[in-house]
Amino acid sequence: MQPLIDHARSFRRQSAERPEEFARLAQGQSPQVLFITCSDSRVVPALITGARPGELFELRTAGNIVPPYACQPPTGEAATIEYAVEVLGVADIVVCGHSHCGAVGALVRGDDLTAVPAVRDWLAHAAPRPEGPVEDPAVGGAVQNHVLTQLLRLRSYPCVERRLEQGTLRMHGWYYEVHTGSVLAHDARADLFRAL
């Protein structure tokens, strides 16, 4: 924890050297992208995209899962998506999965999750478990399929579906390789993930 505290202290000093940049952030936010990704500490959206403060609106969940839309009871995920689409007016939504995902890996392996019931129940929203054994330790194919499932699920959100029909919102499926730093994007015409 101490290195994080030390950095926060030095960040405060560095930010004092750029007061106009931080004053602009205090005026509000207008990100163009909602970036939905995993809570995994190895996935850092600003590092991957080069985004500056105020450019990405982030939703991080275990396994980058988008739960089915439901108003009652409302979920934090649904509120974040709705706010990004309706209030902030983002033009793009990226769902970004990643290699070596613990959540998707647990599903693929059929891990016993009885000791972590909240995790087990949350993963019920993931893509269906692939048939047969998966030999890839990065679980790449399973994660890519999972990303596509989450993109489909986003369409169940009324605000997303409406903006898609209006042509004012685009959705993107990405796959980040933790071990190489490469990012692949889903090409809907070819139904393949290709390097950006």
N, C-alpha and C. Protein backbone atom coordinates (compact mmCIF):
# COMPACT_ATOMS: atom_id res chain seq x y z
N MET A 1 0.81 -1.20 0.00
CA MET A 1 0.00 0.00 0.00
C MET A 1 0.86 1.27 0.00
N GLN A 2 2.01 1.20 0.65
CA GLN A 2 2.83 2.41 0.78
C GLN A 2 3.25 3.00 -0.56
N PRO A 3 3.63 2.17 -1.56
CA PRO A 3 3.97 2.78 -2.86
C PRO A 3 2.79 3.55 -3.48
N LEU A 4 1.57 3.07 -3.26
CA LEU A 4 0.40 3.77 -3.79
C LEU A 4 0.20 5.11 -3.08
N ILE A 5 0.39 5.11 -1.78
CA ILE A 5 0.27 6.36 -1.00
C ILE A 5 1.34 7.35 -1.45
N ASP A 6 2.58 6.85 -1.62
CA ASP A 6 3.66 7.73 -2.06
C ASP A 6 3.35 8.34 -3.42
N HIS A 7 2.83 7.53 -4.32
CA HIS A 7 2.49 8.04 -5.65
C HIS A 7 1.37 9.08 -5.57
N ALA A 8 0.37 8.81 -4.73
CA ALA A 8 -0.74 9.77 -4.59
C ALA A 8 -0.21 11.11 -4.08
N ARG A 9 0.75 11.07 -3.19
CA ARG A 9 1.33 12.32 -2.69
C ARG A 9 2.09 13.05 -3.80
N SER A 10 2.87 12.32 -4.59
CA SER A 10 3.62 12.97 -5.66
C SER A 10 2.69 13.42 -6.78
N PHE A 11 1.59 12.70 -6.98
CA PHE A 11 0.61 13.09 -7.99
C PHE A 11 0.00 14.44 -7.64
N ARG A 12 -0.30 14.63 -6.38
CA ARG A 12 -0.86 15.90 -5.93
C ARG A 12 0.11 17.05 -6.26
N ARG A 13 1.38 16.82 -6.03
CA ARG A 13 2.38 17.86 -6.34
C ARG A 13 2.46 18.08 -7.85
N GLN A 14 2.44 17.00 -8.64
CA GLN A 14 2.51 17.12 -10.10
C GLN A 14 1.28 17.83 -10.65
N SER A 15 0.12 17.55 -10.07
CA SER A 15 -1.10 18.18 -10.57
C SER A 15 -1.10 19.68 -10.29
N ALA A 16 -0.41 20.10 -9.25
CA ALA A 16 -0.32 21.52 -8.96
C ALA A 16 0.47 22.25 -10.04
N GLU A 17 1.29 21.50 -10.80
CA GLU A 17 2.06 22.09 -11.89
C GLU A 17 1.23 22.25 -13.16
N ARG A 18 0.03 21.65 -13.20
CA ARG A 18 -0.84 21.72 -14.38
C ARG A 18 -2.25 22.13 -13.96
N PRO A 19 -2.40 23.27 -13.33
CA PRO A 19 -3.72 23.63 -12.77
C PRO A 19 -4.82 23.77 -13.82
N GLU A 20 -4.50 24.22 -15.02
CA GLU A 20 -5.54 24.40 -16.04
C GLU A 20 -6.13 23.06 -16.49
N GLU A 21 -5.30 22.03 -16.56
CA GLU A 21 -5.80 20.71 -16.95
C GLU A 21 -6.80 20.19 -15.91
N PHE A 22 -6.49 20.34 -14.65
CA PHE A 22 -7.38 19.85 -13.61
C PHE A 22 -8.59 20.75 -13.42
N ALA A 23 -8.44 22.03 -13.69
CA ALA A 23 -9.58 22.95 -13.62
C ALA A 23 -10.60 22.57 -14.70
N ARG A 24 -10.13 22.18 -15.88
CA ARG A 24 -11.03 21.75 -16.95
C ARG A 24 -11.82 20.51 -16.52
N LEU A 25 -11.17 19.58 -15.84
CA LEU A 25 -11.86 18.37 -15.38
C LEU A 25 -12.95 18.70 -14.36
N ALA A 26 -12.74 19.74 -13.59
CA ALA A 26 -13.73 20.14 -12.59
C ALA A 26 -15.00 20.69 -13.22
N GLN A 27 -14.93 21.09 -14.49
CA GLN A 27 -16.11 21.63 -15.17
C GLN A 27 -17.11 20.55 -15.58
N GLY A 28 -16.70 19.29 -15.55
CA GLY A 28 -17.59 18.19 -15.93
C GLY A 28 -16.89 17.22 -16.85
N GLN A 29 -17.63 16.22 -17.28
CA GLN A 29 -17.05 15.21 -18.14
C GLN A 29 -17.88 15.05 -19.42
N SER A 30 -17.21 14.68 -20.48
CA SER A 30 -17.91 14.40 -21.74
C SER A 30 -17.17 13.30 -22.50
N PRO A 31 -17.06 12.12 -21.87
CA PRO A 31 -16.38 11.02 -22.55
C PRO A 31 -17.17 10.57 -23.77
N GLN A 32 -16.46 10.08 -24.76
CA GLN A 32 -17.11 9.59 -25.97
C GLN A 32 -17.30 8.08 -25.96
N VAL A 33 -16.65 7.41 -24.99
CA VAL A 33 -16.65 5.95 -24.97
C VAL A 33 -17.00 5.42 -23.59
N LEU A 34 -17.91 4.44 -23.56
CA LEU A 34 -18.13 3.62 -22.36
C LEU A 34 -17.28 2.38 -22.56
N PHE A 35 -16.34 2.15 -21.66
CA PHE A 35 -15.40 1.04 -21.76
C PHE A 35 -15.74 0.03 -20.68
N ILE A 36 -16.29 -1.11 -21.09
CA ILE A 36 -16.69 -2.16 -20.15
C ILE A 36 -15.62 -3.24 -20.18
N THR A 37 -15.01 -3.48 -19.04
CA THR A 37 -13.95 -4.48 -18.99
C THR A 37 -13.94 -5.16 -17.63
N CYS A 38 -13.02 -6.07 -17.48
CA CYS A 38 -12.90 -6.89 -16.27
C CYS A 38 -12.26 -6.09 -15.14
N SER A 39 -12.54 -6.52 -13.92
CA SER A 39 -11.94 -5.91 -12.74
C SER A 39 -10.47 -6.31 -12.57
N ASP A 40 -10.01 -7.25 -13.36
CA ASP A 40 -8.65 -7.77 -13.27
C ASP A 40 -7.63 -6.63 -13.24
N SER A 41 -6.71 -6.70 -12.30
CA SER A 41 -5.74 -5.61 -12.11
C SER A 41 -4.75 -5.48 -13.25
N ARG A 42 -4.66 -6.50 -14.12
CA ARG A 42 -3.74 -6.43 -15.26
C ARG A 42 -4.33 -5.69 -16.44
N VAL A 43 -5.62 -5.38 -16.38
CA VAL A 43 -6.31 -4.69 -17.48
C VAL A 43 -6.51 -3.23 -17.06
N VAL A 44 -5.80 -2.33 -17.72
CA VAL A 44 -5.85 -0.91 -17.38
C VAL A 44 -6.30 -0.15 -18.63
N PRO A 45 -7.60 0.20 -18.70
CA PRO A 45 -8.12 0.82 -19.92
C PRO A 45 -7.35 2.04 -20.41
N ALA A 46 -6.97 2.94 -19.53
CA ALA A 46 -6.25 4.14 -19.96
C ALA A 46 -4.87 3.78 -20.51
N LEU A 47 -4.25 2.76 -19.97
CA LEU A 47 -2.95 2.32 -20.47
C LEU A 47 -3.10 1.69 -21.86
N ILE A 48 -4.12 0.86 -22.02
CA ILE A 48 -4.35 0.18 -23.30
C ILE A 48 -4.70 1.17 -24.39
N THR A 49 -5.54 2.15 -24.08
CA THR A 49 -6.06 3.08 -25.09
C THR A 49 -5.30 4.39 -25.18
N GLY A 50 -4.51 4.70 -24.19
CA GLY A 50 -3.83 6.00 -24.16
C GLY A 50 -4.76 7.14 -23.78
N ALA A 51 -5.92 6.79 -23.21
CA ALA A 51 -6.91 7.81 -22.85
C ALA A 51 -6.42 8.68 -21.70
N ARG A 52 -6.80 9.94 -21.75
CA ARG A 52 -6.51 10.90 -20.71
C ARG A 52 -7.72 10.99 -19.78
N PRO A 53 -7.57 11.58 -18.61
CA PRO A 53 -8.72 11.75 -17.72
C PRO A 53 -9.88 12.44 -18.44
N GLY A 54 -11.06 11.90 -18.28
CA GLY A 54 -12.26 12.46 -18.89
C GLY A 54 -12.61 11.87 -20.24
N GLU A 55 -11.76 11.01 -20.80
CA GLU A 55 -12.01 10.47 -22.15
C GLU A 55 -12.73 9.14 -22.15
N LEU A 56 -12.64 8.37 -21.07
CA LEU A 56 -13.32 7.07 -20.98
C LEU A 56 -14.24 7.07 -19.77
N PHE A 57 -15.44 6.53 -19.95
CA PHE A 57 -16.33 6.25 -18.83
C PHE A 57 -16.24 4.75 -18.63
N GLU A 58 -15.79 4.30 -17.48
CA GLU A 58 -15.47 2.90 -17.28
C GLU A 58 -16.50 2.16 -16.44
N LEU A 59 -16.73 0.92 -16.84
CA LEU A 59 -17.52 -0.02 -16.05
C LEU A 59 -16.67 -1.28 -15.94
N ARG A 60 -16.27 -1.59 -14.71
CA ARG A 60 -15.43 -2.76 -14.48
C ARG A 60 -16.20 -3.75 -13.63
N THR A 61 -16.31 -4.96 -14.14
CA THR A 61 -17.00 -6.01 -13.41
C THR A 61 -16.17 -7.29 -13.49
N ALA A 62 -16.39 -8.20 -12.56
CA ALA A 62 -15.72 -9.50 -12.63
C ALA A 62 -16.09 -10.15 -13.95
N GLY A 63 -15.09 -10.44 -14.77
CA GLY A 63 -15.33 -11.10 -16.04
C GLY A 63 -15.97 -10.22 -17.09
N ASN A 64 -15.89 -8.90 -16.95
CA ASN A 64 -16.54 -7.93 -17.85
C ASN A 64 -17.97 -8.35 -18.21
N ILE A 65 -18.69 -8.83 -17.21
CA ILE A 65 -20.06 -9.31 -17.40
C ILE A 65 -21.03 -8.14 -17.40
N VAL A 66 -21.93 -8.15 -18.39
CA VAL A 66 -23.05 -7.22 -18.45
C VAL A 66 -24.28 -8.03 -18.04
N PRO A 67 -24.86 -7.74 -16.88
CA PRO A 67 -26.02 -8.53 -16.47
C PRO A 67 -27.23 -8.20 -17.33
N PRO A 68 -28.20 -9.10 -17.40
CA PRO A 68 -29.42 -8.79 -18.16
C PRO A 68 -30.07 -7.52 -17.62
N TYR A 69 -30.72 -6.77 -18.50
CA TYR A 69 -31.36 -5.53 -18.09
C TYR A 69 -32.53 -5.83 -17.16
N ALA A 70 -32.59 -5.09 -16.08
CA ALA A 70 -33.71 -5.19 -15.14
C ALA A 70 -33.77 -3.88 -14.36
N CYS A 71 -34.95 -3.32 -14.27
CA CYS A 71 -35.12 -2.07 -13.50
C CYS A 71 -35.29 -2.36 -12.02
N GLN A 72 -35.87 -3.49 -11.69
CA GLN A 72 -36.19 -3.81 -10.31
C GLN A 72 -35.57 -5.14 -9.91
N PRO A 73 -34.70 -5.20 -8.98
CA PRO A 73 -34.02 -4.04 -8.41
C PRO A 73 -32.97 -3.53 -9.37
N PRO A 74 -32.71 -2.24 -9.37
CA PRO A 74 -31.70 -1.71 -10.28
C PRO A 74 -30.31 -2.20 -9.87
N THR A 75 -29.44 -2.34 -10.83
CA THR A 75 -28.06 -2.74 -10.53
C THR A 75 -27.13 -1.57 -10.83
N GLY A 76 -25.98 -1.59 -10.21
CA GLY A 76 -24.98 -0.56 -10.48
C GLY A 76 -24.53 -0.60 -11.93
N GLU A 77 -24.46 -1.82 -12.50
CA GLU A 77 -24.06 -1.95 -13.90
C GLU A 77 -25.08 -1.30 -14.82
N ALA A 78 -26.37 -1.58 -14.58
CA ALA A 78 -27.42 -1.00 -15.42
C ALA A 78 -27.43 0.52 -15.29
N ALA A 79 -27.24 1.02 -14.09
CA ALA A 79 -27.22 2.47 -13.87
C ALA A 79 -26.05 3.11 -14.60
N THR A 80 -24.89 2.46 -14.58
CA THR A 80 -23.71 2.99 -15.26
C THR A 80 -23.92 3.03 -16.77
N ILE A 81 -24.46 1.95 -17.33
CA ILE A 81 -24.71 1.89 -18.77
C ILE A 81 -25.74 2.95 -19.17
N GLU A 82 -26.82 3.03 -18.42
CA GLU A 82 -27.87 3.99 -18.73
C GLU A 82 -27.36 5.43 -18.64
N TYR A 83 -26.58 5.73 -17.62
CA TYR A 83 -26.03 7.07 -17.46
C TYR A 83 -25.10 7.42 -18.62
N ALA A 84 -24.24 6.48 -18.99
CA ALA A 84 -23.30 6.73 -20.09
C ALA A 84 -24.03 7.00 -21.40
N VAL A 85 -25.07 6.21 -21.67
CA VAL A 85 -25.78 6.30 -22.94
C VAL A 85 -26.75 7.47 -22.97
N GLU A 86 -27.51 7.65 -21.91
CA GLU A 86 -28.58 8.68 -21.90
C GLU A 86 -28.11 10.06 -21.45
N VAL A 87 -27.27 10.12 -20.45
CA VAL A 87 -26.87 11.42 -19.89
C VAL A 87 -25.58 11.93 -20.55
N LEU A 88 -24.56 11.06 -20.60
CA LEU A 88 -23.29 11.49 -21.19
C LEU A 88 -23.31 11.43 -22.71
N GLY A 89 -24.19 10.62 -23.27
CA GLY A 89 -24.32 10.53 -24.72
C GLY A 89 -23.11 9.94 -25.42
N VAL A 90 -22.49 8.93 -24.80
CA VAL A 90 -21.33 8.32 -25.45
C VAL A 90 -21.70 7.85 -26.85
N ALA A 91 -20.74 7.90 -27.74
CA ALA A 91 -20.98 7.48 -29.13
C ALA A 91 -20.58 6.03 -29.36
N ASP A 92 -19.75 5.48 -28.46
CA ASP A 92 -19.25 4.12 -28.62
C ASP A 92 -19.24 3.39 -27.29
N ILE A 93 -19.48 2.08 -27.38
CA ILE A 93 -19.33 1.19 -26.23
C ILE A 93 -18.35 0.10 -26.64
N VAL A 94 -17.34 -0.10 -25.81
CA VAL A 94 -16.37 -1.17 -26.02
C VAL A 94 -16.55 -2.18 -24.89
N VAL A 95 -16.73 -3.45 -25.25
CA VAL A 95 -16.65 -4.53 -24.27
C VAL A 95 -15.31 -5.21 -24.51
N CYS A 96 -14.44 -5.17 -23.52
CA CYS A 96 -13.07 -5.66 -23.67
C CYS A 96 -12.81 -6.82 -22.72
N GLY A 97 -12.68 -8.01 -23.28
CA GLY A 97 -12.26 -9.17 -22.51
C GLY A 97 -10.74 -9.28 -22.57
N HIS A 98 -10.20 -10.24 -21.83
CA HIS A 98 -8.74 -10.37 -21.83
C HIS A 98 -8.30 -11.81 -21.66
N SER A 99 -7.09 -12.09 -22.13
CA SER A 99 -6.51 -13.42 -21.98
C SER A 99 -6.30 -13.72 -20.50
N HIS A 100 -6.22 -14.99 -20.19
CA HIS A 100 -5.96 -15.44 -18.82
C HIS A 100 -6.99 -14.93 -17.82
N CYS A 101 -8.24 -14.79 -18.28
CA CYS A 101 -9.32 -14.29 -17.43
C CYS A 101 -9.70 -15.36 -16.39
N GLY A 102 -9.62 -15.00 -15.14
CA GLY A 102 -9.95 -15.96 -14.08
C GLY A 102 -11.41 -16.35 -14.08
N ALA A 103 -12.30 -15.41 -14.38
CA ALA A 103 -13.73 -15.70 -14.38
C ALA A 103 -14.09 -16.68 -15.49
N VAL A 104 -13.67 -16.37 -16.71
CA VAL A 104 -13.97 -17.26 -17.84
C VAL A 104 -13.22 -18.58 -17.67
N GLY A 105 -12.00 -18.52 -17.17
CA GLY A 105 -11.24 -19.74 -16.92
C GLY A 105 -11.95 -20.66 -15.94
N ALA A 106 -12.53 -20.09 -14.89
CA ALA A 106 -13.26 -20.89 -13.90
C ALA A 106 -14.45 -21.60 -14.55
N LEU A 107 -15.12 -20.90 -15.45
CA LEU A 107 -16.25 -21.52 -16.15
C LEU A 107 -15.79 -22.62 -17.07
N VAL A 108 -14.75 -22.35 -17.83
CA VAL A 108 -14.22 -23.32 -18.80
C VAL A 108 -13.76 -24.59 -18.09
N ARG A 109 -13.08 -24.41 -16.97
CA ARG A 109 -12.57 -25.56 -16.22
C ARG A 109 -13.64 -26.25 -15.38
N GLY A 110 -14.76 -25.56 -15.17
CA GLY A 110 -15.79 -26.11 -14.31
C GLY A 110 -15.38 -26.10 -12.85
N ASP A 111 -14.67 -25.06 -12.44
CA ASP A 111 -14.18 -24.96 -11.06
C ASP A 111 -15.34 -25.00 -10.06
N ASP A 112 -15.07 -25.58 -8.91
CA ASP A 112 -16.04 -25.61 -7.82
C ASP A 112 -15.99 -24.25 -7.12
N LEU A 113 -17.07 -23.50 -7.22
CA LEU A 113 -17.11 -22.15 -6.65
C LEU A 113 -18.02 -22.05 -5.43
N THR A 114 -18.26 -23.18 -4.76
CA THR A 114 -19.15 -23.15 -3.60
C THR A 114 -18.60 -22.28 -2.47
N ALA A 115 -17.28 -22.12 -2.38
CA ALA A 115 -16.69 -21.29 -1.32
C ALA A 115 -16.87 -19.80 -1.60
N VAL A 116 -17.21 -19.46 -2.84
CA VAL A 116 -17.41 -18.06 -3.21
C VAL A 116 -18.77 -17.94 -3.91
N PRO A 117 -19.86 -18.02 -3.13
CA PRO A 117 -21.20 -18.05 -3.74
C PRO A 117 -21.57 -16.80 -4.54
N ALA A 118 -21.10 -15.64 -4.13
CA ALA A 118 -21.40 -14.43 -4.90
C ALA A 118 -20.74 -14.50 -6.27
N VAL A 119 -19.51 -14.98 -6.32
CA VAL A 119 -18.81 -15.14 -7.59
C VAL A 119 -19.54 -16.18 -8.45
N ARG A 120 -19.90 -17.30 -7.85
CA ARG A 120 -20.61 -18.36 -8.58
C ARG A 120 -21.90 -17.82 -9.19
N ASP A 121 -22.67 -17.09 -8.41
CA ASP A 121 -23.95 -16.57 -8.90
C ASP A 121 -23.74 -15.47 -9.96
N TRP A 122 -22.71 -14.65 -9.79
CA TRP A 122 -22.41 -13.62 -10.78
C TRP A 122 -22.04 -14.25 -12.12
N LEU A 123 -21.24 -15.31 -12.07
CA LEU A 123 -20.79 -15.96 -13.30
C LEU A 123 -21.93 -16.66 -14.05
N ALA A 124 -23.08 -16.78 -13.43
CA ALA A 124 -24.24 -17.32 -14.14
C ALA A 124 -24.63 -16.41 -15.31
N HIS A 125 -24.18 -15.15 -15.30
CA HIS A 125 -24.47 -14.19 -16.37
C HIS A 125 -23.46 -14.28 -17.51
N ALA A 126 -22.48 -15.14 -17.38
CA ALA A 126 -21.44 -15.24 -18.41
C ALA A 126 -21.96 -16.03 -19.60
N ALA A 127 -21.12 -16.12 -20.63
CA ALA A 127 -21.46 -16.93 -21.80
C ALA A 127 -21.56 -18.39 -21.37
N PRO A 128 -22.33 -19.19 -22.08
CA PRO A 128 -22.42 -20.61 -21.73
C PRO A 128 -21.05 -21.27 -21.80
N ARG A 129 -20.86 -22.26 -20.97
CA ARG A 129 -19.60 -22.99 -20.93
C ARG A 129 -19.39 -23.71 -22.26
N PRO A 130 -18.17 -23.58 -22.83
CA PRO A 130 -17.91 -24.25 -24.10
C PRO A 130 -17.99 -25.78 -23.96
N GLU A 131 -18.38 -26.41 -25.04
CA GLU A 131 -18.43 -27.87 -25.06
C GLU A 131 -17.01 -28.43 -25.17
N GLY A 132 -16.76 -29.53 -24.49
CA GLY A 132 -15.48 -30.21 -24.61
C GLY A 132 -14.36 -29.50 -23.88
N PRO A 133 -13.18 -30.12 -23.85
CA PRO A 133 -12.04 -29.53 -23.13
C PRO A 133 -11.47 -28.33 -23.88
N VAL A 134 -10.98 -27.37 -23.12
CA VAL A 134 -10.31 -26.20 -23.67
C VAL A 134 -8.86 -26.28 -23.21
N GLU A 135 -7.96 -26.44 -24.15
CA GLU A 135 -6.54 -26.63 -23.83
C GLU A 135 -5.77 -25.32 -23.70
N ASP A 136 -6.30 -24.23 -24.23
CA ASP A 136 -5.63 -22.94 -24.26
C ASP A 136 -5.60 -22.33 -22.86
N PRO A 137 -4.40 -22.18 -22.23
CA PRO A 137 -4.35 -21.57 -20.89
C PRO A 137 -4.80 -20.11 -20.88
N ALA A 138 -4.73 -19.44 -22.03
CA ALA A 138 -5.19 -18.05 -22.11
C ALA A 138 -6.70 -17.97 -22.28
N VAL A 139 -7.36 -19.11 -22.50
CA VAL A 139 -8.81 -19.22 -22.75
C VAL A 139 -9.30 -18.19 -23.77
N GLY A 140 -8.48 -17.95 -24.79
CA GLY A 140 -8.76 -16.91 -25.79
C GLY A 140 -10.09 -17.07 -26.49
N GLY A 141 -10.35 -18.25 -27.04
CA GLY A 141 -11.61 -18.46 -27.77
C GLY A 141 -12.82 -18.31 -26.87
N ALA A 142 -12.72 -18.83 -25.66
CA ALA A 142 -13.84 -18.73 -24.72
C ALA A 142 -14.09 -17.27 -24.32
N VAL A 143 -13.02 -16.51 -24.12
CA VAL A 143 -13.18 -15.10 -23.75
C VAL A 143 -13.78 -14.31 -24.91
N GLN A 144 -13.33 -14.58 -26.11
CA GLN A 144 -13.87 -13.88 -27.27
C GLN A 144 -15.36 -14.17 -27.44
N ASN A 145 -15.75 -15.42 -27.27
CA ASN A 145 -17.17 -15.77 -27.32
C ASN A 145 -17.93 -15.05 -26.21
N HIS A 146 -17.33 -14.97 -25.05
CA HIS A 146 -17.93 -14.29 -23.91
C HIS A 146 -18.15 -12.80 -24.21
N VAL A 147 -17.18 -12.16 -24.85
CA VAL A 147 -17.31 -10.74 -25.23
C VAL A 147 -18.52 -10.56 -26.14
N LEU A 148 -18.67 -11.44 -27.12
CA LEU A 148 -19.80 -11.35 -28.05
C LEU A 148 -21.13 -11.54 -27.32
N THR A 149 -21.17 -12.42 -26.34
CA THR A 149 -22.38 -12.62 -25.55
C THR A 149 -22.74 -11.35 -24.80
N GLN A 150 -21.74 -10.65 -24.26
CA GLN A 150 -22.01 -9.42 -23.51
C GLN A 150 -22.49 -8.31 -24.45
N LEU A 151 -21.96 -8.27 -25.66
CA LEU A 151 -22.44 -7.28 -26.64
C LEU A 151 -23.90 -7.53 -26.97
N LEU A 152 -24.27 -8.79 -27.14
CA LEU A 152 -25.68 -9.11 -27.39
C LEU A 152 -26.54 -8.72 -26.21
N ARG A 153 -26.05 -8.97 -25.01
CA ARG A 153 -26.82 -8.64 -23.81
C ARG A 153 -27.05 -7.14 -23.69
N LEU A 154 -26.08 -6.35 -24.12
CA LEU A 154 -26.25 -4.89 -24.07
C LEU A 154 -27.47 -4.44 -24.87
N ARG A 155 -27.81 -5.18 -25.90
CA ARG A 155 -28.97 -4.83 -26.73
C ARG A 155 -30.28 -4.97 -25.96
N SER A 156 -30.27 -5.68 -24.82
CA SER A 156 -31.49 -5.79 -24.02
C SER A 156 -31.76 -4.52 -23.22
N TYR A 157 -30.79 -3.60 -23.20
CA TYR A 157 -30.97 -2.33 -22.49
C TYR A 157 -31.72 -1.38 -23.42
N PRO A 158 -32.90 -0.91 -23.03
CA PRO A 158 -33.71 -0.06 -23.92
C PRO A 158 -32.95 1.15 -24.47
N CYS A 159 -32.15 1.79 -23.64
CA CYS A 159 -31.42 2.97 -24.11
C CYS A 159 -30.39 2.61 -25.18
N VAL A 160 -29.77 1.46 -25.03
CA VAL A 160 -28.77 1.02 -26.01
C VAL A 160 -29.46 0.66 -27.32
N GLU A 161 -30.52 -0.12 -27.24
CA GLU A 161 -31.23 -0.53 -28.45
C GLU A 161 -31.77 0.68 -29.21
N ARG A 162 -32.31 1.65 -28.49
CA ARG A 162 -32.85 2.85 -29.12
C ARG A 162 -31.75 3.62 -29.86
N ARG A 163 -30.62 3.83 -29.21
CA ARG A 163 -29.51 4.57 -29.83
C ARG A 163 -28.93 3.80 -31.01
N LEU A 164 -28.88 2.47 -30.92
CA LEU A 164 -28.41 1.68 -32.06
C LEU A 164 -29.35 1.85 -33.25
N GLU A 165 -30.64 1.81 -32.99
CA GLU A 165 -31.63 1.98 -34.06
C GLU A 165 -31.54 3.37 -34.68
N GLN A 166 -31.20 4.37 -33.88
CA GLN A 166 -31.06 5.75 -34.37
C GLN A 166 -29.74 5.95 -35.13
N GLY A 167 -28.85 4.99 -35.00
CA GLY A 167 -27.54 5.11 -35.64
C GLY A 167 -26.60 6.06 -34.94
N THR A 168 -26.85 6.31 -33.63
CA THR A 168 -26.02 7.26 -32.88
C THR A 168 -25.12 6.57 -31.85
N LEU A 169 -25.05 5.25 -31.94
CA LEU A 169 -24.23 4.48 -31.01
C LEU A 169 -23.61 3.31 -31.77
N ARG A 170 -22.33 3.07 -31.50
CA ARG A 170 -21.63 1.92 -32.08
C ARG A 170 -21.12 1.04 -30.94
N MET A 171 -21.08 -0.28 -31.18
CA MET A 171 -20.55 -1.19 -30.17
C MET A 171 -19.37 -1.96 -30.76
N HIS A 172 -18.39 -2.23 -29.89
CA HIS A 172 -17.15 -2.87 -30.32
C HIS A 172 -16.79 -3.97 -29.33
N GLY A 173 -16.37 -5.10 -29.85
CA GLY A 173 -15.86 -6.18 -29.02
C GLY A 173 -14.35 -6.25 -29.16
N TRP A 174 -13.65 -6.14 -28.05
CA TRP A 174 -12.19 -6.20 -28.04
C TRP A 174 -11.71 -7.36 -27.19
N TYR A 175 -10.52 -7.83 -27.52
CA TYR A 175 -9.85 -8.88 -26.75
C TYR A 175 -8.41 -8.42 -26.53
N TYR A 176 -8.03 -8.26 -25.27
CA TYR A 176 -6.70 -7.80 -24.90
C TYR A 176 -5.86 -8.99 -24.45
N GLU A 177 -4.68 -9.13 -25.07
CA GLU A 177 -3.76 -10.21 -24.69
C GLU A 177 -2.82 -9.68 -23.62
N VAL A 178 -3.02 -10.15 -22.41
CA VAL A 178 -2.22 -9.69 -21.28
C VAL A 178 -0.74 -9.97 -21.50
N HIS A 179 -0.44 -11.11 -22.10
CA HIS A 179 0.94 -11.56 -22.25
C HIS A 179 1.69 -10.90 -23.41
N THR A 180 0.98 -10.21 -24.32
CA THR A 180 1.65 -9.55 -25.45
C THR A 180 1.36 -8.06 -25.54
N GLY A 181 0.27 -7.62 -24.93
CA GLY A 181 -0.16 -6.23 -25.06
C GLY A 181 -0.97 -5.97 -26.32
N SER A 182 -1.20 -7.00 -27.13
CA SER A 182 -1.98 -6.84 -28.36
C SER A 182 -3.46 -6.70 -28.05
N VAL A 183 -4.14 -5.94 -28.91
CA VAL A 183 -5.59 -5.79 -28.81
C VAL A 183 -6.19 -6.25 -30.14
N LEU A 184 -7.16 -7.14 -30.05
CA LEU A 184 -7.88 -7.63 -31.22
C LEU A 184 -9.30 -7.08 -31.15
N ALA A 185 -9.86 -6.74 -32.30
CA ALA A 185 -11.23 -6.23 -32.37
C ALA A 185 -12.06 -7.19 -33.20
N HIS A 186 -13.32 -7.34 -32.81
CA HIS A 186 -14.21 -8.24 -33.55
C HIS A 186 -14.61 -7.59 -34.87
N ASP A 187 -14.39 -8.32 -35.94
CA ASP A 187 -14.82 -7.92 -37.28
C ASP A 187 -16.14 -8.65 -37.54
N ALA A 188 -17.25 -7.91 -37.48
CA ALA A 188 -18.57 -8.54 -37.58
C ALA A 188 -18.80 -9.19 -38.94
N ARG A 189 -18.26 -8.61 -40.00
CA ARG A 189 -18.46 -9.19 -41.34
C ARG A 189 -17.81 -10.56 -41.45
N ALA A 190 -16.60 -10.69 -40.95
CA ALA A 190 -15.88 -11.96 -41.03
C ALA A 190 -16.13 -12.85 -39.82
N ASP A 191 -16.74 -12.27 -38.76
CA ASP A 191 -16.96 -12.95 -37.48
C ASP A 191 -15.66 -13.50 -36.92
N LEU A 192 -14.64 -12.63 -36.93
CA LEU A 192 -13.32 -12.97 -36.41
C LEU A 192 -12.79 -11.81 -35.58
N PHE A 193 -11.91 -12.12 -34.66
CA PHE A 193 -11.18 -11.09 -33.94
C PHE A 193 -9.86 -10.85 -34.68
N ARG A 194 -9.63 -9.59 -35.06
CA ARG A 194 -8.42 -9.24 -35.81
C ARG A 194 -7.64 -8.15 -35.06
N ALA A 195 -6.34 -8.10 -35.30
CA ALA A 195 -5.50 -7.09 -34.66
C ALA A 195 -5.97 -5.70 -35.06
N LEU A 196 -5.99 -4.79 -34.08
CA LEU A 196 -6.34 -3.39 -34.38
C LEU A 196 -5.24 -2.77 -35.25
